[in-house]
C-alpha atoms as a PDB file:
ATOM      1  CA  UNK A   1       0.037   0.031   0.037  1.00  0.00           C
ATOM      2  CA  UNK A   2       2.543   2.283   0.921  1.00  0.00           C
ATOM      3  CA  UNK A   3       4.417   1.469  -2.293  1.00  0.00           C
ATOM      4  CA  UNK A   4       1.329   2.406  -4.309  1.00  0.00           C
ATOM      5  CA  UNK A   5       0.919   5.802  -2.379  1.00  0.00           C
ATOM      6  CA  UNK A   6       4.741   6.629  -3.525  1.00  0.00           C
ATOM      7  CA  UNK A   7       3.857   6.054  -7.165  1.00  0.00           C
ATOM      8  CA  UNK A   8       0.752   7.857  -7.028  1.00  0.00           C
ATOM      9  CA  UNK A   9       2.761  10.869  -5.275  1.00  0.00           C
ATOM     10  CA  UNK A  10       5.436  10.710  -8.039  1.00  0.00           C
ATOM     11  CA  UNK A  11       2.490  10.555 -10.851  1.00  0.00           C
ATOM     12  CA  UNK A  12       1.045  13.773  -9.296  1.00  0.00           C
ATOM     13  CA  UNK A  13       3.962  15.961  -9.137  1.00  0.00           C
ATOM     14  CA  UNK A  14       4.927  14.832 -12.692  1.00  0.00           C
ATOM     15  CA  UNK A  15       1.236  16.016 -13.735  1.00  0.00           C
ATOM     16  CA  UNK A  16       1.844  19.443 -11.568  1.00  0.00           C
ATOM     17  CA  UNK A  17       5.290  19.810 -13.316  1.00  0.00           C
ATOM     18  CA  UNK A  18       3.875  19.207 -16.963  1.00  0.00           C
ATOM     19  CA  UNK A  19       0.923  21.635 -16.373  1.00  0.00           C
ATOM     20  CA  UNK A  20       3.403  24.197 -14.882  1.00  0.00           C
ATOM     21  CA  UNK A  21       5.520  23.866 -17.728  1.00  0.00           C
ATOM     22  CA  UNK A  22       2.772  24.253 -20.113  1.00  0.00           C
ATOM     23  CA  UNK A  23       1.317  27.376 -18.220  1.00  0.00           C
ATOM     24  CA  UNK A  24       4.680  29.073 -17.941  1.00  0.00           C
ATOM     25  CA  UNK A  25       4.505  28.795 -21.998  1.00  0.00           C
ATOM     26  CA  UNK A  26       1.192  29.922 -22.048  1.00  0.00           C
ATOM     27  CA  UNK A  27       1.590  32.788 -20.005  1.00  0.00           C
ATOM     28  CA  UNK A  28       5.140  33.741 -22.312  1.00  0.00           C
ATOM     29  CA  UNK A  29       3.444  33.377 -25.488  1.00  0.00           C
ATOM     30  CA  UNK A  30       0.449  35.714 -24.024  1.00  0.00           C
ATOM     31  CA  UNK A  31       2.889  38.185 -23.045  1.00  0.00           C
ATOM     32  CA  UNK A  32       4.817  38.081 -26.085  1.00  0.00           C
ATOM     33  CA  UNK A  33       1.310  38.607 -28.229  1.00  0.00           C
ATOM     34  CA  UNK A  34       0.483  41.398 -26.069  1.00  0.00           C
ATOM     35  CA  UNK A  35       4.354  43.269 -26.672  1.00  0.00           C
ATOM     36  CA  UNK A  36       4.053  42.371 -30.681  1.00  0.00           C
ATOM     37  CA  UNK A  37       0.145  44.040 -30.634  1.00  0.00           C
ATOM     38  CA  UNK A  38       1.370  47.086 -28.590  1.00  0.00           C
ATOM     39  CA  UNK A  39       4.158  47.482 -30.856  1.00  0.00           C
ATOM     40  CA  UNK A  40       2.079  47.340 -34.174  1.00  0.00           C
ATOM     41  CA  UNK A  41      -0.488  49.711 -32.575  1.00  0.00           C
ATOM     42  CA  UNK A  42       2.253  52.056 -31.989  1.00  0.00           C
ATOM     43  CA  UNK A  43       4.055  51.822 -35.611  1.00  0.00           C
ATOM     44  CA  UNK A  44       0.420  52.232 -36.873  1.00  0.00           C
ATOM     45  CA  UNK A  45      -0.097  55.158 -34.981  1.00  0.00           C
ATOM     46  CA  UNK A  46       3.264  56.856 -35.689  1.00  0.00           C
ATOM     47  CA  UNK A  47       2.533  56.127 -39.520  1.00  0.00           C
ATOM     48  CA  UNK A  48      -0.896  58.058 -39.102  1.00  0.00           C
ATOM     49  CA  UNK A  49       0.848  60.825 -37.510  1.00  0.00           C
ATOM     50  CA  UNK A  50       3.307  60.983 -40.275  1.00  0.00           C
ATOM     51  CA  UNK A  51       0.279  60.941 -42.797  1.00  0.00           C
ATOM     52  CA  UNK A  52      -1.037  63.920 -40.882  1.00  0.00           C
ATOM     53  CA  UNK A  53       1.966  65.794 -41.190  1.00  0.00           C
ATOM     54  CA  UNK A  54       1.750  65.239 -45.144  1.00  0.00           C
ATOM     55  CA  UNK A  55      -1.483  66.631 -45.092  1.00  0.00           C
ATOM     56  CA  UNK A  56      -0.775  69.610 -43.302  1.00  0.00           C
ATOM     57  CA  UNK A  57       2.164  70.208 -46.019  1.00  0.00           C
ATOM     58  CA  UNK A  58      -0.441  69.537 -48.615  1.00  0.00           C
ATOM     59  CA  UNK A  59      -2.234  72.719 -46.889  1.00  0.00           C
ATOM     60  CA  UNK A  60       0.505  74.731 -46.721  1.00  0.00           C
ATOM     61  CA  UNK A  61       1.505  74.154 -50.470  1.00  0.00           C
ATOM     62  CA  UNK A  62      -2.025  74.777 -51.371  1.00  0.00           C
ATOM     63  CA  UNK A  63      -2.481  77.998 -49.464  1.00  0.00           C
ATOM     64  CA  UNK A  64       0.944  79.378 -51.054  1.00  0.00           C
ATOM     65  CA  UNK A  65      -0.453  78.618 -54.554  1.00  0.00           C
ATOM     66  CA  UNK A  66      -3.627  80.383 -54.221  1.00  0.00           C
ATOM     67  CA  UNK A  67      -1.880  83.459 -53.051  1.00  0.00           C
ATOM     68  CA  UNK A  68      -0.116  83.943 -55.987  1.00  0.00           C
ATOM     69  CA  UNK A  69      -0.757  83.090 -59.531  1.00  0.00           C
ATOM     70  CA  UNK A  70      -1.385  79.465 -59.914  1.00  0.00           C
ATOM     71  CA  UNK A  71      -0.578  79.784 -63.951  1.00  0.00           C
ATOM     72  CA  UNK A  72       2.736  81.222 -63.142  1.00  0.00           C
ATOM     73  CA  UNK A  73       3.875  80.614 -59.527  1.00  0.00           C
ATOM     74  CA  UNK A  74       6.866  82.038 -57.756  1.00  0.00           C
ATOM     75  CA  UNK A  75       8.433  79.999 -55.380  1.00  0.00           C
ATOM     76  CA  UNK A  76      11.228  81.220 -53.099  1.00  0.00           C
ATOM     77  CA  UNK A  77      12.661  80.080 -49.727  1.00  0.00           C
ATOM     78  CA  UNK A  78      11.072  83.252 -48.058  1.00  0.00           C
ATOM     79  CA  UNK A  79       7.704  81.497 -48.148  1.00  0.00           C
ATOM     80  CA  UNK A  80       5.809  79.793 -45.540  1.00  0.00           C
ATOM     81  CA  UNK A  81       6.297  76.096 -46.983  1.00  0.00           C
ATOM     82  CA  UNK A  82      10.022  76.954 -47.140  1.00  0.00           C
ATOM     83  CA  UNK A  83      10.448  78.083 -43.298  1.00  0.00           C
ATOM     84  CA  UNK A  84      10.924  75.411 -40.368  1.00  0.00           C
ATOM     85  CA  UNK A  85       7.415  74.413 -38.960  1.00  0.00           C
ATOM     86  CA  UNK A  86       6.685  74.258 -35.403  1.00  0.00           C
ATOM     87  CA  UNK A  87       7.233  70.866 -33.829  1.00  0.00           C
ATOM     88  CA  UNK A  88       3.727  69.246 -32.920  1.00  0.00           C
ATOM     89  CA  UNK A  89       3.467  67.711 -29.296  1.00  0.00           C
ATOM     90  CA  UNK A  90       1.955  64.268 -29.244  1.00  0.00           C
ATOM     91  CA  UNK A  91       0.653  61.697 -26.815  1.00  0.00           C
ATOM     92  CA  UNK A  92       3.042  60.401 -23.963  1.00  0.00           C
ATOM     93  CA  UNK A  93       5.656  62.953 -24.880  1.00  0.00           C
ATOM     94  CA  UNK A  94       5.884  62.165 -28.308  1.00  0.00           C
ATOM     95  CA  UNK A  95       6.694  64.929 -31.163  1.00  0.00           C
ATOM     96  CA  UNK A  96       5.920  65.301 -34.871  1.00  0.00           C
ATOM     97  CA  UNK A  97       8.183  67.499 -36.964  1.00  0.00           C
ATOM     98  CA  UNK A  98       7.405  68.355 -40.733  1.00  0.00           C
ATOM     99  CA  UNK A  99       9.920  70.172 -43.386  1.00  0.00           C
ATOM    100  CA  UNK A 100       8.995  70.703 -46.918  1.00  0.00           C
ATOM    101  CA  UNK A 101      12.008  71.090 -49.672  1.00  0.00           C
ATOM    102  CA  UNK A 102      12.215  71.958 -52.890  1.00  0.00           C
ATOM    103  CA  UNK A 103      13.897  69.193 -55.058  1.00  0.00           C
ATOM    104  CA  UNK A 104      13.705  71.453 -58.344  1.00  0.00           C
ATOM    105  CA  UNK A 105      16.522  73.588 -56.786  1.00  0.00           C
ATOM    106  CA  UNK A 106      18.997  70.797 -57.091  1.00  0.00           C
ATOM    107  CA  UNK A 107      20.429  69.234 -60.448  1.00  0.00           C
ATOM    108  CA  UNK A 108      18.082  67.041 -61.871  1.00  0.00           C
ATOM    109  CA  UNK A 109      19.786  63.701 -62.847  1.00  0.00           C
ATOM    110  CA  UNK A 110      16.835  62.442 -64.927  1.00  0.00           C
ATOM    111  CA  UNK A 111      17.468  65.645 -67.304  1.00  0.00           C
ATOM    112  CA  UNK A 112      20.896  64.208 -68.447  1.00  0.00           C
ATOM    113  CA  UNK A 113      19.016  62.315 -70.944  1.00  0.00           C
ATOM    114  CA  UNK A 114      15.662  63.602 -72.977  1.00  0.00           C
ATOM    115  CA  UNK A 115      13.763  61.705 -75.438  1.00  0.00           C
ATOM    116  CA  UNK A 116      16.485  58.920 -74.959  1.00  0.00           C
ATOM    117  CA  UNK A 117      19.271  61.068 -76.268  1.00  0.00           C
ATOM    118  CA  UNK A 118      22.121  62.820 -74.346  1.00  0.00           C
ATOM    119  CA  UNK A 119      21.266  66.521 -73.317  1.00  0.00           C
ATOM    120  CA  UNK A 120      24.670  68.071 -73.811  1.00  0.00           C
ATOM    121  CA  UNK A 121      24.045  71.117 -71.861  1.00  0.00           C
ATOM    122  CA  UNK A 122      22.856  68.989 -68.975  1.00  0.00           C
ATOM    123  CA  UNK A 123      25.916  66.743 -69.211  1.00  0.00           C
ATOM    124  CA  UNK A 124      28.399  69.680 -69.282  1.00  0.00           C
ATOM    125  CA  UNK A 125      26.405  71.053 -66.255  1.00  0.00           C
ATOM    126  CA  UNK A 126      26.564  67.770 -64.509  1.00  0.00           C
ATOM    127  CA  UNK A 127      30.234  67.903 -65.381  1.00  0.00           C
ATOM    128  CA  UNK A 128      30.603  70.985 -63.545  1.00  0.00           C
ATOM    129  CA  UNK A 129      28.878  69.916 -60.387  1.00  0.00           C
ATOM    130  CA  UNK A 130      31.142  66.980 -60.061  1.00  0.00           C
ATOM    131  CA  UNK A 131      34.254  68.868 -60.525  1.00  0.00           C
ATOM    132  CA  UNK A 132      33.064  71.461 -58.044  1.00  0.00           C
ATOM    133  CA  UNK A 133      32.303  68.786 -55.264  1.00  0.00           C
ATOM    134  CA  UNK A 134      35.802  67.019 -56.382  1.00  0.00           C
ATOM    135  CA  UNK A 135      34.349  64.006 -57.425  1.00  0.00           C
ATOM    136  CA  UNK A 136      35.811  61.770 -60.548  1.00  0.00           C
ATOM    137  CA  UNK A 137      33.974  62.956 -63.743  1.00  0.00           C
ATOM    138  CA  UNK A 138      33.672  59.544 -65.096  1.00  0.00           C
ATOM    139  CA  UNK A 139      30.025  59.387 -63.453  1.00  0.00           C
ATOM    140  CA  UNK A 140      28.796  61.627 -66.117  1.00  0.00           C
ATOM    141  CA  UNK A 141      28.992  59.458 -69.160  1.00  0.00           C
ATOM    142  CA  UNK A 142      28.185  56.297 -66.921  1.00  0.00           C
ATOM    143  CA  UNK A 143      25.087  57.939 -65.630  1.00  0.00           C
ATOM    144  CA  UNK A 144      24.146  58.789 -69.447  1.00  0.00           C
ATOM    145  CA  UNK A 145      24.162  55.097 -70.237  1.00  0.00           C
ATOM    146  CA  UNK A 146      22.140  54.186 -67.344  1.00  0.00           C
ATOM    147  CA  UNK A 147      19.597  56.412 -68.625  1.00  0.00           C
ATOM    148  CA  UNK A 148      19.551  56.443 -72.351  1.00  0.00           C
ATOM    149  CA  UNK A 149      17.915  53.547 -74.259  1.00  0.00           C
ATOM    150  CA  UNK A 150      20.854  52.070 -76.232  1.00  0.00           C
ATOM    151  CA  UNK A 151      23.943  49.760 -75.942  1.00  0.00           C
ATOM    152  CA  UNK A 152      26.541  51.722 -76.795  1.00  0.00           C
ATOM    153  CA  UNK A 153      28.920  53.360 -74.185  1.00  0.00           C
ATOM    154  CA  UNK A 154      28.829  57.010 -74.030  1.00  0.00           C
ATOM    155  CA  UNK A 155      32.457  58.633 -73.908  1.00  0.00           C
ATOM    156  CA  UNK A 156      35.452  57.009 -72.840  1.00  0.00           C
ATOM    157  CA  UNK A 157      34.006  56.397 -69.294  1.00  0.00           C
ATOM    158  CA  UNK A 158      30.781  54.793 -70.120  1.00  0.00           C
ATOM    159  CA  UNK A 159      29.553  51.441 -69.241  1.00  0.00           C
ATOM    160  CA  UNK A 160      26.658  49.419 -70.732  1.00  0.00           C
ATOM    161  CA  UNK A 161      25.567  45.748 -70.033  1.00  0.00           C
ATOM    162  CA  UNK A 162      28.896  44.501 -70.788  1.00  0.00           C
ATOM    163  CA  UNK A 163      30.734  45.774 -68.057  1.00  0.00           C
ATOM    164  CA  UNK A 164      27.706  45.315 -65.582  1.00  0.00           C
ATOM    165  CA  UNK A 165      27.095  41.759 -66.340  1.00  0.00           C
ATOM    166  CA  UNK A 166      30.690  41.089 -65.096  1.00  0.00           C
ATOM    167  CA  UNK A 167      29.974  42.452 -61.698  1.00  0.00           C
ATOM    168  CA  UNK A 168      29.270  39.905 -58.780  1.00  0.00           C
ATOM    169  CA  UNK A 169      26.334  39.559 -58.619  1.00  0.00           C
ATOM    170  CA  UNK A 170      25.682  40.667 -62.451  1.00  0.00           C
ATOM    171  CA  UNK A 171      23.088  42.921 -63.410  1.00  0.00           C
ATOM    172  CA  UNK A 172      22.043  45.355 -66.356  1.00  0.00           C
ATOM    173  CA  UNK A 173      21.898  48.991 -67.010  1.00  0.00           C
ATOM    174  CA  UNK A 174      18.331  50.172 -66.292  1.00  0.00           C
ATOM    175  CA  UNK A 175      18.049  52.196 -69.796  1.00  0.00           C
ATOM    176  CA  UNK A 176      15.404  54.211 -67.988  1.00  0.00           C
ATOM    177  CA  UNK A 177      14.834  57.446 -66.003  1.00  0.00           C
ATOM    178  CA  UNK A 178      15.794  56.972 -62.138  1.00  0.00           C
ATOM    179  CA  UNK A 179      13.052  56.795 -59.641  1.00  0.00           C
ATOM    180  CA  UNK A 180      15.160  57.537 -57.044  1.00  0.00           C
ATOM    181  CA  UNK A 181      18.591  59.330 -56.484  1.00  0.00           C
ATOM    182  CA  UNK A 182      19.472  56.315 -54.480  1.00  0.00           C
ATOM    183  CA  UNK A 183      19.884  54.384 -57.768  1.00  0.00           C
ATOM    184  CA  UNK A 184      23.098  56.250 -58.451  1.00  0.00           C
ATOM    185  CA  UNK A 185      24.817  53.420 -55.832  1.00  0.00           C
ATOM    186  CA  UNK A 186      24.348  50.942 -58.944  1.00  0.00           C
ATOM    187  CA  UNK A 187      26.600  53.016 -61.444  1.00  0.00           C
ATOM    188  CA  UNK A 188      29.674  51.011 -62.089  1.00  0.00           C
ATOM    189  CA  UNK A 189      32.288  51.781 -59.192  1.00  0.00           C
ATOM    190  CA  UNK A 190      30.138  54.332 -57.659  1.00  0.00           C
ATOM    191  CA  UNK A 191      31.879  54.947 -54.289  1.00  0.00           C
ATOM    192  CA  UNK A 192      29.786  55.623 -50.952  1.00  0.00           C
ATOM    193  CA  UNK A 193      31.760  58.631 -50.297  1.00  0.00           C
ATOM    194  CA  UNK A 194      31.290  60.110 -53.638  1.00  0.00           C
ATOM    195  CA  UNK A 195      27.309  59.355 -53.444  1.00  0.00           C
ATOM    196  CA  UNK A 196      27.116  60.663 -50.045  1.00  0.00           C
ATOM    197  CA  UNK A 197      28.908  63.925 -51.217  1.00  0.00           C
ATOM    198  CA  UNK A 198      26.599  64.246 -54.016  1.00  0.00           C
ATOM    199  CA  UNK A 199      23.200  63.362 -52.510  1.00  0.00           C
ATOM    200  CA  UNK A 200      22.429  66.953 -51.159  1.00  0.00           C
ATOM    201  CA  UNK A 201      22.742  68.820 -54.423  1.00  0.00           C
ATOM    202  CA  UNK A 202      20.697  66.200 -56.886  1.00  0.00           C
ATOM    203  CA  UNK A 203      17.379  64.904 -57.502  1.00  0.00           C
ATOM    204  CA  UNK A 204      15.208  62.378 -59.486  1.00  0.00           C
ATOM    205  CA  UNK A 205      12.180  64.079 -61.432  1.00  0.00           C
ATOM    206  CA  UNK A 206      10.725  64.085 -64.724  1.00  0.00           C
ATOM    207  CA  UNK A 207      13.381  64.753 -67.126  1.00  0.00           C
ATOM    208  CA  UNK A 208      11.421  68.218 -68.183  1.00  0.00           C
ATOM    209  CA  UNK A 209      11.558  69.589 -65.047  1.00  0.00           C
ATOM    210  CA  UNK A 210      13.361  73.186 -64.678  1.00  0.00           C
ATOM    211  CA  UNK A 211      15.925  74.236 -61.997  1.00  0.00           C
ATOM    212  CA  UNK A 212      14.088  76.522 -59.559  1.00  0.00           C
ATOM    213  CA  UNK A 213      16.674  79.689 -59.638  1.00  0.00           C
ATOM    214  CA  UNK A 214      14.825  80.759 -56.277  1.00  0.00           C
ATOM    215  CA  UNK A 215      15.627  77.723 -54.234  1.00  0.00           C
ATOM    216  CA  UNK A 216      18.846  76.377 -56.041  1.00  0.00           C
ATOM    217  CA  UNK A 217      21.947  76.979 -53.662  1.00  0.00           C
ATOM    218  CA  UNK A 218      25.002  78.545 -54.625  1.00  0.00           C
ATOM    219  CA  UNK A 219      27.104  75.325 -55.817  1.00  0.00           C
ATOM    220  CA  UNK A 220      24.329  74.554 -57.995  1.00  0.00           C
ATOM    221  CA  UNK A 221      23.787  77.611 -59.734  1.00  0.00           C
ATOM    222  CA  UNK A 222      27.610  77.847 -60.186  1.00  0.00           C
ATOM    223  CA  UNK A 223      27.310  74.860 -62.625  1.00  0.00           C
ATOM    224  CA  UNK A 224      24.663  76.711 -65.163  1.00  0.00           C
ATOM    225  CA  UNK A 225      28.022  77.968 -67.141  1.00  0.00           C
ATOM    226  CA  UNK A 226      31.428  78.067 -67.287  1.00  0.00           C
ATOM    227  CA  UNK A 227      33.215  80.835 -65.427  1.00  0.00           C
ATOM    228  CA  UNK A 228      30.619  81.117 -62.626  1.00  0.00           C
ATOM    229  CA  UNK A 229      32.493  80.242 -59.370  1.00  0.00           C
ATOM    230  CA  UNK A 230      30.554  79.793 -56.025  1.00  0.00           C
ATOM    231  CA  UNK A 231      31.523  82.512 -54.708  1.00  0.00           C
ATOM    232  CA  UNK A 232      30.314  84.671 -57.596  1.00  0.00           C
ATOM    233  CA  UNK A 233      27.157  82.320 -57.416  1.00  0.00           C
ATOM    234  CA  UNK A 234      26.556  83.591 -53.959  1.00  0.00           C
ATOM    235  CA  UNK A 235      26.301  87.062 -55.176  1.00  0.00           C
ATOM    236  CA  UNK A 236      22.990  85.446 -56.971  1.00  0.00           C
ATOM    237  CA  UNK A 237      21.748  84.083 -53.757  1.00  0.00           C
ATOM    238  CA  UNK A 238      21.822  87.295 -51.764  1.00  0.00           C
ATOM    239  CA  UNK A 239      20.258  88.992 -54.791  1.00  0.00           C
ATOM    240  CA  UNK A 240      17.199  87.138 -54.871  1.00  0.00           C
ATOM    241  CA  UNK A 241      16.360  88.587 -51.349  1.00  0.00           C
ATOM    242  CA  UNK A 242      13.351  87.622 -49.665  1.00  0.00           C
ATOM    243  CA  UNK A 243      10.726  87.861 -52.272  1.00  0.00           C
ATOM    244  CA  UNK A 244      13.213  85.776 -54.891  1.00  0.00           C
ATOM    245  CA  UNK A 245      13.289  86.582 -58.479  1.00  0.00           C
ATOM    246  CA  UNK A 246       9.937  87.408 -60.227  1.00  0.00           C
ATOM    247  CA  UNK A 247      11.422  85.941 -63.525  1.00  0.00           C
ATOM    248  CA  UNK A 248      13.886  83.979 -65.066  1.00  0.00           C
ATOM    249  CA  UNK A 249      14.764  87.358 -67.273  1.00  0.00           C
ATOM    250  CA  UNK A 250      15.288  89.357 -63.952  1.00  0.00           C
ATOM    251  CA  UNK A 251      17.708  86.446 -62.922  1.00  0.00           C
ATOM    252  CA  UNK A 252      19.842  86.357 -66.037  1.00  0.00           C
ATOM    253  CA  UNK A 253      20.016  90.379 -65.767  1.00  0.00           C
ATOM    254  CA  UNK A 254      22.191  90.303 -62.822  1.00  0.00           C
ATOM    255  CA  UNK A 255      25.687  91.516 -62.894  1.00  0.00           C
ATOM    256  CA  UNK A 256      27.172  88.400 -61.711  1.00  0.00           C
ATOM    257  CA  UNK A 257      25.973  86.692 -64.961  1.00  0.00           C
ATOM    258  CA  UNK A 258      27.206  89.415 -67.094  1.00  0.00           C
ATOM    259  CA  UNK A 259      29.531  88.259 -70.095  1.00  0.00           C
ATOM    260  CA  UNK A 260      28.943  84.495 -69.072  1.00  0.00           C
ATOM    261  CA  UNK A 261      26.549  83.450 -71.617  1.00  0.00           C
ATOM    262  CA  UNK A 262      23.785  82.387 -69.230  1.00  0.00           C
ATOM    263  CA  UNK A 263      20.478  81.045 -71.045  1.00  0.00           C
ATOM    264  CA  UNK A 264      16.857  80.709 -70.053  1.00  0.00           C
ATOM    265  CA  UNK A 265      16.787  77.104 -71.172  1.00  0.00           C
ATOM    266  CA  UNK A 266      16.003  74.961 -68.486  1.00  0.00           C
ATOM    267  CA  UNK A 267      15.510  77.477 -65.848  1.00  0.00           C
ATOM    268  CA  UNK A 268      12.539  78.816 -63.812  1.00  0.00           C
ATOM    269  CA  UNK A 269      11.240  80.830 -60.649  1.00  0.00           C
ATOM    270  CA  UNK A 270       8.556  78.248 -59.631  1.00  0.00           C
ATOM    271  CA  UNK A 271       8.184  74.560 -58.582  1.00  0.00           C
ATOM    272  CA  UNK A 272       5.850  71.902 -59.422  1.00  0.00           C
ATOM    273  CA  UNK A 273       7.441  69.085 -57.107  1.00  0.00           C
ATOM    274  CA  UNK A 274       7.942  69.131 -53.436  1.00  0.00           C
ATOM    275  CA  UNK A 275       9.399  66.669 -50.884  1.00  0.00           C
ATOM    276  CA  UNK A 276       7.901  66.386 -47.645  1.00  0.00           C
ATOM    277  CA  UNK A 277       9.641  65.008 -44.692  1.00  0.00           C
ATOM    278  CA  UNK A 278       7.572  63.860 -41.571  1.00  0.00           C
ATOM    279  CA  UNK A 279       9.755  62.570 -38.597  1.00  0.00           C
ATOM    280  CA  UNK A 280       7.671  61.164 -35.576  1.00  0.00           C
ATOM    281  CA  UNK A 281       8.933  60.183 -32.240  1.00  0.00           C
ATOM    282  CA  UNK A 282       6.567  58.310 -30.272  1.00  0.00           C
ATOM    283  CA  UNK A 283       7.095  55.606 -27.439  1.00  0.00           C
ATOM    284  CA  UNK A 284      10.604  55.779 -27.819  1.00  0.00           C
ATOM    285  CA  UNK A 285      10.345  54.746 -31.443  1.00  0.00           C
ATOM    286  CA  UNK A 286      11.327  56.996 -34.435  1.00  0.00           C
ATOM    287  CA  UNK A 287       9.206  56.852 -37.933  1.00  0.00           C
ATOM    288  CA  UNK A 288      10.392  58.578 -40.983  1.00  0.00           C
ATOM    289  CA  UNK A 289       7.978  59.396 -43.584  1.00  0.00           C
ATOM    290  CA  UNK A 290       9.200  60.997 -46.787  1.00  0.00           C
ATOM    291  CA  UNK A 291       6.418  61.917 -49.383  1.00  0.00           C
ATOM    292  CA  UNK A 292       6.987  63.379 -53.233  1.00  0.00           C
ATOM    293  CA  UNK A 293       4.393  65.542 -54.016  1.00  0.00           C
ATOM    294  CA  UNK A 294       3.356  67.659 -56.985  1.00  0.00           C
ATOM    295  CA  UNK A 295       1.607  70.550 -57.017  1.00  0.00           C
ATOM    296  CA  UNK A 296      -0.601  71.342 -60.486  1.00  0.00           C
ATOM    297  CA  UNK A 297      -1.730  74.697 -61.565  1.00  0.00           C
ATOM    298  CA  UNK A 298      -5.308  73.264 -61.043  1.00  0.00           C
ATOM    299  CA  UNK A 299      -4.866  73.617 -57.485  1.00  0.00           C
ATOM    300  CA  UNK A 300      -4.654  70.027 -56.689  1.00  0.00           C
ATOM    301  CA  UNK A 301      -1.449  68.365 -54.814  1.00  0.00           C
ATOM    302  CA  UNK A 302      -0.967  64.879 -55.884  1.00  0.00           C
ATOM    303  CA  UNK A 303       1.023  62.154 -53.742  1.00  0.00           C
ATOM    304  CA  UNK A 304       3.469  60.475 -56.415  1.00  0.00           C
ATOM    305  CA  UNK A 305       5.377  58.282 -53.725  1.00  0.00           C
ATOM    306  CA  UNK A 306       5.837  57.321 -49.963  1.00  0.00           C
ATOM    307  CA  UNK A 307       8.754  56.096 -48.400  1.00  0.00           C
ATOM    308  CA  UNK A 308       8.983  54.457 -45.153  1.00  0.00           C
ATOM    309  CA  UNK A 309      12.137  53.032 -45.037  1.00  0.00           C
ATOM    310  CA  UNK A 310      14.460  56.071 -44.357  1.00  0.00           C
ATOM    311  CA  UNK A 311      16.569  56.094 -41.310  1.00  0.00           C
ATOM    312  CA  UNK A 312      16.724  59.908 -41.092  1.00  0.00           C
ATOM    313  CA  UNK A 313      16.315  63.128 -42.450  1.00  0.00           C
ATOM    314  CA  UNK A 314      18.662  63.534 -45.456  1.00  0.00           C
ATOM    315  CA  UNK A 315      21.286  65.911 -45.452  1.00  0.00           C
ATOM    316  CA  UNK A 316      21.113  69.598 -46.399  1.00  0.00           C
ATOM    317  CA  UNK A 317      23.296  71.412 -49.223  1.00  0.00           C
ATOM    318  CA  UNK A 318      26.082  73.315 -47.260  1.00  0.00           C
ATOM    319  CA  UNK A 319      25.277  76.519 -48.786  1.00  0.00           C
ATOM    320  CA  UNK A 320      21.498  76.471 -47.519  1.00  0.00           C
ATOM    321  CA  UNK A 321      22.499  76.025 -43.738  1.00  0.00           C
ATOM    322  CA  UNK A 322      23.795  79.827 -44.223  1.00  0.00           C
ATOM    323  CA  UNK A 323      21.658  82.814 -43.238  1.00  0.00           C
END
């Protein structure tokens, strides 16, 4: 009888141990599920806050358009959209920051090729930009080959499928416009340092987008013609003042451009495309949304794309940081 009682006690202890392990596992899984759900809710909440910042930027851009002439807008850095917006406090000590930038004030990489042919004026301008940044000029020919529709290398430094197929892993030239500036990293032998140095001064917009001389920095303006140094281009930045240039003709009439042969081709004083950066800090998490917007003369703002994969705010051009 005592032996049977001992066996029964051991059996009970085994059952209790098994039940305890199972319960502990269930509790752990429940805690993990609760934390996972809380994380998803926090991420979703941060995303909606960021989308709210995007809507705010749309309203600011529309108000700016309605205050002027929608058919011939003049956009400059003294307007409300270009000034830093106040940060918005959120629940639990969170914060929303919104910044609107004008990519039309940077060199448009897609403008190197128009109608599947290299634009020699734009290529020369890009070479000058590379020279100003002390970057190897070989990227000019290679970018033209990346954008054009043929398989013939451009110049002495061009690269087409024959070169890219030798890479590890192999790939081909896109032969189309850039969807994002980050595609520059795919160019043959593109170095990370060169890409980072070039990033604040370039954009990837439709190939017919013109450079806004009211928002372009001195270094980008200095690439318009030979003989225009960045120091001399700073005079153009200073001359536009708080109201900006009212027309391209007014810009070309500046003394800093006298005798340099600058032309109006590819220049504008207004912008159609804008980039909105919304940064949300919530529950010790950080969410960055970069939205590409198009503002049309029909008083509508269209969202062309959203990028939630940004790790932080993109760098500003050095001359834009100066008062």
